Amino acid sequence: VHTFVQRIGYSGPFLPGYKLVTEDEPLNAVLPEVHLDSVDYVVGNQDWEGMNPAERWYYEKLGFKQYWSVDETQIHTDYSALRSAVVADLEEHILMPINEPARGLRKSQIEEYVEYYGGAGVQHVALRAPNILEAIAAMRARGLKFLDVPKKYYDDLPKRLSRSPVQV
């Protein structure tokens, strides 16, 4: 489901039918402000063979274009793999990665998602922040928990980056 919003000529709160909240949240007086700019991208997970039809829908119905794509030869582990295509509007302001499972020795995270939730859907929304370290510290102070990064992740990071075409 997609919701289309035209804000030109509308001056109410968010969308018609919403009511403006006028009282202050008391916790905001004692907690750090979280600075987030915008939604960076929204990832959608599809079932087997669902990526290409979803991708075509964005091209045909919304006039999007292909921004980037990878397959299971590029994104895989010893046990799991996926395919991904990123579609974008022509100005590249809206990015939508679309994933589907690929064969591996075990189920991919995409297949597990689709099974758990009973179908395709949004896996995650990435938010853009002007200073990611400050934003994370502020969110932690507000009680948000983040996944821990295994210590070993950084041990072999130089080795993994040496195979990357990206210059760091």
N, C-alpha and C. Protein backbone atom coordinates (compact mmCIF):
# COMPACT_ATOMS: atom_id res chain seq x y z
N VAL A 1 0.85 -1.17 0.00
CA VAL A 1 0.00 0.00 0.00
C VAL A 1 0.90 1.23 0.00
N HIS A 2 0.59 2.17 -0.85
CA HIS A 2 1.30 3.44 -0.91
C HIS A 2 0.30 4.56 -0.65
N THR A 3 0.72 5.58 0.06
CA THR A 3 -0.11 6.75 0.29
C THR A 3 0.53 7.93 -0.41
N PHE A 4 -0.24 8.63 -1.23
CA PHE A 4 0.27 9.79 -1.94
C PHE A 4 -0.23 11.04 -1.22
N VAL A 5 0.65 11.99 -0.99
CA VAL A 5 0.33 13.18 -0.22
C VAL A 5 0.71 14.41 -1.04
N GLN A 6 -0.25 15.32 -1.19
CA GLN A 6 0.03 16.63 -1.80
C GLN A 6 -0.16 17.67 -0.72
N ARG A 7 0.91 18.35 -0.38
CA ARG A 7 0.85 19.32 0.71
C ARG A 7 0.53 20.74 0.23
N ILE A 8 0.58 20.98 -1.07
CA ILE A 8 0.28 22.30 -1.61
C ILE A 8 -1.18 22.63 -1.34
N GLY A 9 -1.43 23.80 -0.75
CA GLY A 9 -2.79 24.23 -0.48
C GLY A 9 -3.39 23.64 0.78
N TYR A 10 -2.65 22.83 1.52
CA TYR A 10 -3.15 22.26 2.78
C TYR A 10 -2.28 22.77 3.92
N SER A 11 -2.91 23.32 4.95
CA SER A 11 -2.13 23.87 6.05
C SER A 11 -2.46 23.23 7.39
N GLY A 12 -3.21 22.14 7.39
CA GLY A 12 -3.58 21.48 8.63
C GLY A 12 -2.46 20.62 9.17
N PRO A 13 -2.72 19.95 10.31
CA PRO A 13 -1.71 19.08 10.89
C PRO A 13 -1.59 17.77 10.10
N PHE A 14 -0.44 17.47 9.61
CA PHE A 14 -0.09 16.25 8.88
C PHE A 14 -1.04 15.96 7.73
N LEU A 15 -2.16 15.30 7.98
CA LEU A 15 -3.14 14.97 6.95
C LEU A 15 -4.54 15.31 7.46
N PRO A 16 -5.50 15.46 6.55
CA PRO A 16 -6.87 15.72 7.01
C PRO A 16 -7.33 14.64 8.00
N GLY A 17 -8.01 15.09 9.04
CA GLY A 17 -8.51 14.17 10.07
C GLY A 17 -7.59 14.06 11.28
N TYR A 18 -6.34 14.52 11.15
CA TYR A 18 -5.43 14.47 12.29
C TYR A 18 -5.64 15.70 13.15
N LYS A 19 -5.39 15.56 14.45
CA LYS A 19 -5.51 16.69 15.37
C LYS A 19 -4.13 17.06 15.88
N LEU A 20 -3.88 18.35 15.94
CA LEU A 20 -2.61 18.87 16.42
C LEU A 20 -2.49 18.64 17.93
N VAL A 21 -1.36 18.10 18.37
CA VAL A 21 -1.09 17.91 19.79
C VAL A 21 -0.42 19.20 20.28
N THR A 22 -1.03 19.85 21.24
CA THR A 22 -0.52 21.15 21.68
C THR A 22 0.29 21.10 22.96
N GLU A 23 0.09 20.07 23.80
CA GLU A 23 0.85 20.01 25.04
C GLU A 23 2.25 19.48 24.77
N ASP A 24 3.20 19.99 25.56
CA ASP A 24 4.58 19.56 25.43
C ASP A 24 4.77 18.19 26.07
N GLU A 25 5.67 17.40 25.52
CA GLU A 25 6.06 16.13 26.12
C GLU A 25 7.04 16.45 27.24
N PRO A 26 6.73 16.16 28.51
CA PRO A 26 7.61 16.55 29.62
C PRO A 26 9.02 15.96 29.52
N LEU A 27 9.15 14.78 28.97
CA LEU A 27 10.48 14.17 28.86
C LEU A 27 11.42 14.96 27.96
N ASN A 28 10.85 15.70 27.00
CA ASN A 28 11.71 16.47 26.09
C ASN A 28 12.50 17.55 26.81
N ALA A 29 12.03 17.98 27.96
CA ALA A 29 12.75 19.01 28.72
C ALA A 29 14.03 18.48 29.34
N VAL A 30 14.11 17.15 29.57
CA VAL A 30 15.27 16.58 30.25
C VAL A 30 16.10 15.64 29.36
N LEU A 31 15.58 15.30 28.20
CA LEU A 31 16.31 14.39 27.31
C LEU A 31 16.88 15.16 26.11
N PRO A 32 18.00 14.67 25.55
CA PRO A 32 18.59 15.36 24.41
C PRO A 32 17.69 15.28 23.18
N GLU A 33 17.75 16.33 22.37
CA GLU A 33 16.98 16.36 21.14
C GLU A 33 17.63 15.43 20.11
N VAL A 34 16.81 14.72 19.37
CA VAL A 34 17.29 13.82 18.32
C VAL A 34 17.15 14.57 16.99
N HIS A 35 18.26 14.75 16.29
CA HIS A 35 18.23 15.46 15.01
C HIS A 35 18.23 14.45 13.87
N LEU A 36 17.09 14.34 13.20
CA LEU A 36 16.95 13.51 12.02
C LEU A 36 16.45 14.39 10.88
N ASP A 37 17.02 14.21 9.69
CA ASP A 37 16.67 15.07 8.56
C ASP A 37 15.49 14.54 7.75
N SER A 38 15.56 13.26 7.39
CA SER A 38 14.57 12.73 6.46
C SER A 38 14.68 11.22 6.39
N VAL A 39 13.77 10.62 5.66
CA VAL A 39 13.87 9.20 5.34
C VAL A 39 14.90 9.08 4.22
N ASP A 40 15.90 8.22 4.41
CA ASP A 40 16.92 8.01 3.38
C ASP A 40 16.43 7.00 2.35
N TYR A 41 15.94 5.86 2.82
CA TYR A 41 15.38 4.85 1.92
C TYR A 41 14.48 3.91 2.70
N VAL A 42 13.65 3.17 1.97
CA VAL A 42 12.74 2.20 2.55
C VAL A 42 12.98 0.87 1.85
N VAL A 43 13.30 -0.19 2.59
CA VAL A 43 13.59 -1.50 2.01
C VAL A 43 12.35 -2.38 2.04
N GLY A 44 12.00 -2.91 0.88
CA GLY A 44 10.88 -3.84 0.77
C GLY A 44 11.37 -5.24 0.48
N ASN A 45 10.87 -6.22 1.22
CA ASN A 45 11.20 -7.62 0.98
C ASN A 45 10.08 -8.30 0.21
N GLN A 46 10.44 -9.07 -0.80
CA GLN A 46 9.49 -9.80 -1.62
C GLN A 46 9.72 -11.29 -1.47
N ASP A 47 8.71 -12.06 -1.80
CA ASP A 47 8.83 -13.52 -1.82
C ASP A 47 9.63 -13.94 -3.05
N TRP A 48 9.86 -15.24 -3.18
CA TRP A 48 10.57 -15.79 -4.35
C TRP A 48 9.95 -15.26 -5.64
N GLU A 49 10.78 -14.81 -6.55
CA GLU A 49 10.36 -14.30 -7.88
C GLU A 49 9.46 -13.08 -7.78
N GLY A 50 9.50 -12.37 -6.66
CA GLY A 50 8.65 -11.19 -6.50
C GLY A 50 9.34 -9.87 -6.78
N MET A 51 10.67 -9.88 -6.85
CA MET A 51 11.41 -8.63 -7.02
C MET A 51 11.15 -8.00 -8.39
N ASN A 52 11.26 -8.77 -9.46
CA ASN A 52 11.11 -8.19 -10.80
C ASN A 52 9.72 -7.61 -11.04
N PRO A 53 8.62 -8.31 -10.66
CA PRO A 53 7.31 -7.68 -10.83
C PRO A 53 7.16 -6.39 -10.00
N ALA A 54 7.70 -6.38 -8.78
CA ALA A 54 7.62 -5.16 -7.96
C ALA A 54 8.41 -4.03 -8.60
N GLU A 55 9.59 -4.37 -9.10
CA GLU A 55 10.44 -3.39 -9.77
C GLU A 55 9.72 -2.81 -11.00
N ARG A 56 9.13 -3.68 -11.80
CA ARG A 56 8.38 -3.23 -12.99
C ARG A 56 7.23 -2.31 -12.61
N TRP A 57 6.56 -2.61 -11.50
CA TRP A 57 5.46 -1.77 -11.05
C TRP A 57 5.93 -0.34 -10.83
N TYR A 58 7.07 -0.17 -10.17
CA TYR A 58 7.61 1.18 -9.93
C TYR A 58 7.97 1.87 -11.24
N TYR A 59 8.51 1.13 -12.21
CA TYR A 59 8.84 1.73 -13.51
C TYR A 59 7.58 2.17 -14.23
N GLU A 60 6.61 1.26 -14.33
CA GLU A 60 5.43 1.50 -15.15
C GLU A 60 4.43 2.46 -14.50
N LYS A 61 4.22 2.34 -13.21
CA LYS A 61 3.18 3.14 -12.54
C LYS A 61 3.68 4.47 -12.01
N LEU A 62 4.92 4.51 -11.52
CA LEU A 62 5.43 5.73 -10.90
C LEU A 62 6.53 6.40 -11.72
N GLY A 63 6.94 5.80 -12.83
CA GLY A 63 7.97 6.41 -13.66
C GLY A 63 9.35 6.37 -13.04
N PHE A 64 9.59 5.43 -12.12
CA PHE A 64 10.90 5.28 -11.50
C PHE A 64 11.88 4.67 -12.49
N LYS A 65 13.16 4.65 -12.11
CA LYS A 65 14.22 4.05 -12.91
C LYS A 65 15.04 3.12 -12.03
N GLN A 66 15.84 2.28 -12.68
CA GLN A 66 16.74 1.43 -11.90
C GLN A 66 17.91 2.29 -11.45
N TYR A 67 18.24 2.19 -10.17
CA TYR A 67 19.32 2.95 -9.57
C TYR A 67 20.56 2.07 -9.38
N TRP A 68 20.31 0.79 -9.02
CA TRP A 68 21.41 -0.12 -8.68
C TRP A 68 20.83 -1.51 -8.53
N SER A 69 21.62 -2.53 -8.76
CA SER A 69 21.16 -3.89 -8.50
C SER A 69 22.34 -4.82 -8.25
N VAL A 70 22.06 -5.87 -7.48
CA VAL A 70 23.05 -6.92 -7.20
C VAL A 70 22.32 -8.25 -7.17
N ASP A 71 23.09 -9.32 -7.32
CA ASP A 71 22.48 -10.64 -7.24
C ASP A 71 23.23 -11.49 -6.23
N GLU A 72 22.86 -12.76 -6.18
CA GLU A 72 23.42 -13.64 -5.16
C GLU A 72 24.91 -13.90 -5.31
N THR A 73 25.49 -13.58 -6.47
CA THR A 73 26.94 -13.74 -6.60
C THR A 73 27.69 -12.61 -5.89
N GLN A 74 26.96 -11.51 -5.60
CA GLN A 74 27.59 -10.36 -4.95
C GLN A 74 27.21 -10.22 -3.47
N ILE A 75 26.00 -10.63 -3.11
CA ILE A 75 25.57 -10.54 -1.71
C ILE A 75 25.23 -11.95 -1.23
N HIS A 76 26.17 -12.52 -0.49
CA HIS A 76 25.96 -13.87 0.02
C HIS A 76 26.94 -14.14 1.16
N THR A 77 26.58 -15.14 1.94
CA THR A 77 27.49 -15.69 2.93
C THR A 77 27.68 -17.15 2.55
N ASP A 78 28.33 -17.92 3.40
CA ASP A 78 28.46 -19.35 3.14
C ASP A 78 27.11 -20.04 3.14
N TYR A 79 26.10 -19.44 3.80
CA TYR A 79 24.83 -20.11 3.99
C TYR A 79 23.63 -19.42 3.35
N SER A 80 23.71 -18.13 3.08
CA SER A 80 22.54 -17.36 2.69
C SER A 80 22.88 -16.39 1.56
N ALA A 81 21.83 -16.01 0.79
CA ALA A 81 22.04 -15.08 -0.32
C ALA A 81 20.76 -14.30 -0.58
N LEU A 82 20.90 -13.21 -1.33
CA LEU A 82 19.74 -12.44 -1.74
C LEU A 82 20.02 -11.72 -3.04
N ARG A 83 18.93 -11.28 -3.68
CA ARG A 83 18.99 -10.40 -4.85
C ARG A 83 18.37 -9.08 -4.43
N SER A 84 18.88 -7.97 -4.96
CA SER A 84 18.34 -6.67 -4.61
C SER A 84 18.39 -5.75 -5.80
N ALA A 85 17.32 -5.00 -6.02
CA ALA A 85 17.27 -3.95 -7.03
C ALA A 85 16.80 -2.68 -6.34
N VAL A 86 17.48 -1.58 -6.58
CA VAL A 86 17.08 -0.31 -6.00
C VAL A 86 16.45 0.52 -7.10
N VAL A 87 15.21 0.96 -6.87
CA VAL A 87 14.53 1.84 -7.81
C VAL A 87 14.54 3.24 -7.21
N ALA A 88 14.47 4.25 -8.10
CA ALA A 88 14.51 5.64 -7.65
C ALA A 88 13.64 6.49 -8.56
N ASP A 89 13.14 7.59 -8.00
CA ASP A 89 12.47 8.56 -8.86
C ASP A 89 13.54 9.21 -9.74
N LEU A 90 13.12 9.95 -10.74
CA LEU A 90 14.08 10.49 -11.71
C LEU A 90 15.08 11.45 -11.09
N GLU A 91 14.69 12.15 -10.02
CA GLU A 91 15.61 13.08 -9.34
C GLU A 91 16.47 12.37 -8.30
N GLU A 92 16.21 11.09 -8.07
CA GLU A 92 16.92 10.26 -7.10
C GLU A 92 16.76 10.78 -5.67
N HIS A 93 15.58 11.34 -5.38
CA HIS A 93 15.26 11.76 -4.01
C HIS A 93 14.63 10.61 -3.24
N ILE A 94 13.94 9.72 -3.96
CA ILE A 94 13.27 8.58 -3.34
C ILE A 94 14.01 7.31 -3.76
N LEU A 95 14.53 6.57 -2.81
CA LEU A 95 15.22 5.31 -3.09
C LEU A 95 14.45 4.18 -2.41
N MET A 96 14.22 3.10 -3.15
CA MET A 96 13.48 1.97 -2.62
C MET A 96 14.20 0.67 -3.00
N PRO A 97 15.05 0.13 -2.14
CA PRO A 97 15.61 -1.20 -2.41
C PRO A 97 14.51 -2.26 -2.32
N ILE A 98 14.52 -3.18 -3.25
CA ILE A 98 13.57 -4.29 -3.28
C ILE A 98 14.39 -5.58 -3.25
N ASN A 99 14.16 -6.41 -2.24
CA ASN A 99 14.93 -7.64 -2.06
C ASN A 99 14.07 -8.87 -2.29
N GLU A 100 14.72 -9.94 -2.73
CA GLU A 100 14.07 -11.25 -2.76
C GLU A 100 15.11 -12.29 -2.37
N PRO A 101 14.66 -13.44 -1.86
CA PRO A 101 15.61 -14.48 -1.47
C PRO A 101 16.30 -15.09 -2.68
N ALA A 102 17.47 -15.65 -2.43
CA ALA A 102 18.19 -16.44 -3.43
C ALA A 102 18.64 -17.73 -2.76
N ARG A 103 18.91 -18.75 -3.53
CA ARG A 103 19.27 -20.06 -2.99
C ARG A 103 20.58 -20.00 -2.22
N GLY A 104 20.58 -20.66 -1.09
CA GLY A 104 21.77 -20.82 -0.26
C GLY A 104 21.64 -22.13 0.49
N LEU A 105 22.59 -22.42 1.34
CA LEU A 105 22.52 -23.66 2.12
C LEU A 105 21.41 -23.59 3.17
N ARG A 106 21.07 -22.37 3.59
CA ARG A 106 19.98 -22.16 4.55
C ARG A 106 19.05 -21.09 4.01
N LYS A 107 17.97 -20.85 4.73
CA LYS A 107 17.04 -19.78 4.34
C LYS A 107 17.74 -18.43 4.44
N SER A 108 17.43 -17.55 3.51
CA SER A 108 17.96 -16.19 3.60
C SER A 108 17.12 -15.39 4.58
N GLN A 109 17.66 -14.27 5.04
CA GLN A 109 16.90 -13.40 5.94
C GLN A 109 15.63 -12.90 5.25
N ILE A 110 15.66 -12.78 3.93
CA ILE A 110 14.49 -12.31 3.19
C ILE A 110 13.39 -13.38 3.24
N GLU A 111 13.76 -14.63 3.01
CA GLU A 111 12.80 -15.73 3.07
C GLU A 111 12.21 -15.85 4.48
N GLU A 112 13.05 -15.71 5.50
CA GLU A 112 12.57 -15.77 6.88
C GLU A 112 11.59 -14.64 7.16
N TYR A 113 11.89 -13.45 6.67
CA TYR A 113 11.00 -12.30 6.85
C TYR A 113 9.63 -12.59 6.23
N VAL A 114 9.62 -13.02 4.97
CA VAL A 114 8.37 -13.26 4.24
C VAL A 114 7.54 -14.34 4.94
N GLU A 115 8.20 -15.40 5.41
CA GLU A 115 7.48 -16.46 6.12
C GLU A 115 6.92 -15.95 7.45
N TYR A 116 7.73 -15.24 8.20
CA TYR A 116 7.32 -14.77 9.53
C TYR A 116 6.14 -13.81 9.44
N TYR A 117 6.19 -12.87 8.47
CA TYR A 117 5.14 -11.85 8.35
C TYR A 117 4.03 -12.25 7.38
N GLY A 118 4.13 -13.41 6.78
CA GLY A 118 3.06 -13.89 5.91
C GLY A 118 2.99 -13.20 4.56
N GLY A 119 4.09 -12.64 4.11
CA GLY A 119 4.11 -12.02 2.79
C GLY A 119 5.11 -10.89 2.71
N ALA A 120 5.10 -10.23 1.57
CA ALA A 120 6.02 -9.12 1.31
C ALA A 120 5.71 -7.93 2.22
N GLY A 121 6.72 -7.09 2.43
CA GLY A 121 6.50 -5.90 3.23
C GLY A 121 7.78 -5.12 3.46
N VAL A 122 7.66 -4.04 4.21
CA VAL A 122 8.81 -3.17 4.51
C VAL A 122 9.66 -3.82 5.58
N GLN A 123 10.94 -4.06 5.25
CA GLN A 123 11.86 -4.65 6.21
C GLN A 123 12.39 -3.59 7.17
N HIS A 124 12.83 -2.47 6.63
CA HIS A 124 13.28 -1.38 7.50
C HIS A 124 13.25 -0.05 6.77
N VAL A 125 13.25 1.00 7.56
CA VAL A 125 13.28 2.37 7.06
C VAL A 125 14.59 2.98 7.57
N ALA A 126 15.39 3.52 6.65
CA ALA A 126 16.65 4.17 7.03
C ALA A 126 16.42 5.66 7.16
N LEU A 127 16.86 6.22 8.28
CA LEU A 127 16.68 7.65 8.55
C LEU A 127 18.01 8.37 8.39
N ARG A 128 17.97 9.54 7.80
CA ARG A 128 19.17 10.34 7.56
C ARG A 128 19.35 11.33 8.71
N ALA A 129 20.57 11.41 9.22
CA ALA A 129 20.89 12.32 10.32
C ALA A 129 22.09 13.17 9.93
N PRO A 130 22.12 14.44 10.35
CA PRO A 130 23.28 15.28 10.02
C PRO A 130 24.54 14.83 10.75
N ASN A 131 24.37 14.22 11.94
CA ASN A 131 25.50 13.70 12.69
C ASN A 131 25.06 12.39 13.33
N ILE A 132 25.45 11.28 12.73
CA ILE A 132 24.96 9.98 13.16
C ILE A 132 25.38 9.65 14.60
N LEU A 133 26.59 10.04 14.99
CA LEU A 133 27.05 9.73 16.35
C LEU A 133 26.24 10.48 17.39
N GLU A 134 25.95 11.76 17.14
CA GLU A 134 25.13 12.53 18.07
C GLU A 134 23.70 11.98 18.12
N ALA A 135 23.16 11.62 16.96
CA ALA A 135 21.79 11.10 16.90
C ALA A 135 21.69 9.80 17.68
N ILE A 136 22.66 8.90 17.53
CA ILE A 136 22.64 7.62 18.25
C ILE A 136 22.76 7.86 19.76
N ALA A 137 23.67 8.76 20.16
CA ALA A 137 23.82 9.05 21.59
C ALA A 137 22.51 9.59 22.17
N ALA A 138 21.84 10.47 21.43
CA ALA A 138 20.58 11.05 21.91
C ALA A 138 19.49 9.97 21.99
N MET A 139 19.43 9.10 21.01
CA MET A 139 18.42 8.04 21.03
C MET A 139 18.69 7.04 22.15
N ARG A 140 19.96 6.72 22.39
CA ARG A 140 20.29 5.83 23.52
C ARG A 140 19.89 6.47 24.84
N ALA A 141 20.12 7.78 24.98
CA ALA A 141 19.73 8.49 26.20
C ALA A 141 18.22 8.44 26.40
N ARG A 142 17.48 8.28 25.31
CA ARG A 142 16.02 8.19 25.37
C ARG A 142 15.54 6.75 25.52
N GLY A 143 16.49 5.80 25.64
CA GLY A 143 16.11 4.42 25.92
C GLY A 143 16.07 3.50 24.70
N LEU A 144 16.43 4.01 23.52
CA LEU A 144 16.43 3.16 22.34
C LEU A 144 17.62 2.20 22.40
N LYS A 145 17.37 0.94 22.16
CA LYS A 145 18.43 -0.06 22.17
C LYS A 145 18.85 -0.36 20.74
N PHE A 146 20.13 -0.51 20.53
CA PHE A 146 20.71 -0.84 19.23
C PHE A 146 21.34 -2.22 19.30
N LEU A 147 21.43 -2.86 18.17
CA LEU A 147 22.12 -4.15 18.10
C LEU A 147 23.59 -3.94 18.40
N ASP A 148 24.18 -4.89 19.10
CA ASP A 148 25.61 -4.84 19.34
C ASP A 148 26.36 -5.33 18.10
N VAL A 149 27.45 -4.66 17.79
CA VAL A 149 28.32 -5.10 16.70
C VAL A 149 29.35 -6.03 17.29
N PRO A 150 29.44 -7.26 16.78
CA PRO A 150 30.44 -8.20 17.33
C PRO A 150 31.85 -7.62 17.20
N LYS A 151 32.65 -7.81 18.23
CA LYS A 151 34.04 -7.30 18.22
C LYS A 151 34.81 -7.81 17.00
N LYS A 152 34.57 -9.05 16.61
CA LYS A 152 35.28 -9.63 15.47
C LYS A 152 34.99 -8.89 14.16
N TYR A 153 33.86 -8.21 14.08
CA TYR A 153 33.50 -7.47 12.88
C TYR A 153 34.61 -6.51 12.49
N TYR A 154 35.18 -5.83 13.48
CA TYR A 154 36.23 -4.85 13.19
C TYR A 154 37.59 -5.50 13.00
N ASP A 155 37.79 -6.71 13.53
CA ASP A 155 39.08 -7.39 13.38
C ASP A 155 39.40 -7.67 11.92
N ASP A 156 38.39 -8.13 11.16
CA ASP A 156 38.67 -8.46 9.77
C ASP A 156 38.14 -7.42 8.79
N LEU A 157 37.77 -6.23 9.29
CA LEU A 157 37.28 -5.17 8.42
C LEU A 157 38.32 -4.75 7.37
N PRO A 158 39.58 -4.52 7.71
CA PRO A 158 40.56 -4.16 6.68
C PRO A 158 40.65 -5.21 5.57
N LYS A 159 40.57 -6.48 5.94
CA LYS A 159 40.63 -7.55 4.94
C LYS A 159 39.42 -7.48 4.01
N ARG A 160 38.22 -7.30 4.59
CA ARG A 160 37.01 -7.22 3.76
C ARG A 160 37.05 -5.98 2.86
N LEU A 161 37.51 -4.87 3.39
CA LEU A 161 37.56 -3.64 2.60
C LEU A 161 38.61 -3.71 1.49
N SER A 162 39.63 -4.52 1.67
CA SER A 162 40.67 -4.63 0.63
C SER A 162 40.10 -5.22 -0.66
N ARG A 163 39.00 -5.96 -0.56
CA ARG A 163 38.36 -6.54 -1.76
C ARG A 163 37.32 -5.61 -2.35
N SER A 164 37.06 -4.49 -1.69
CA SER A 164 36.02 -3.58 -2.14
C SER A 164 36.55 -2.61 -3.19
N PRO A 165 35.75 -2.30 -4.20
CA PRO A 165 36.18 -1.29 -5.18
C PRO A 165 36.11 0.14 -4.62
N VAL A 166 35.49 0.30 -3.45
CA VAL A 166 35.36 1.62 -2.84
C VAL A 166 36.66 1.98 -2.13
N GLN A 167 37.18 3.16 -2.40
CA GLN A 167 38.38 3.62 -1.74
C GLN A 167 38.01 4.25 -0.40
N VAL A 168 38.61 3.77 0.67
CA VAL A 168 38.31 4.30 2.01
C VAL A 168 39.48 5.12 2.50
